[in-house]
Amino acid sequence: MEMDGTNSYLASGRDGDVVALVRASIRARLTNAGSIALDSVARAVGLSSRTMQRRLRERGTCFAELLRCVREAAIAGLTLEPMSRDDLASALGYRSTRSLDRLRSASRQSVPPVRPPAG
């Protein structure tokens, strides 16, 4: 089982804040270029995919919504430094810039524009 500091918390039976655990796992995976697929995040927090989805739904959210929110928060910080669209998309766990463009157009918040690298 993967260890990112969250699954030991769930193993103790105190899963009251599964939303925070999933957000933390997604953030850790973006930072460490890990897989941010639902299955891998569920494994990291010590739950099956279905159980994690059910617990998130019980708390009024879903994995896709949390992933979008974490990416939107990350993009604000990442765009402070000049980087290419490809680098930014990769840093957010996207395989292509098209997904980054969809995030920007669907975002409820204003997502800062990508600043091209100097030179």
Foldseek 3Di string as FASTA:
>chain_A
DDEDPQQVVVVVVPCPPLLVLLLSLLLVCLVVVHDNDLQVSCVHNPHGSVVSQVVQVVVPHGSVVSLLVSLQVVQQVVQVAADDLCVSCSSSPHPDSVVVVVSCVPPPDHGDDHHHHDD
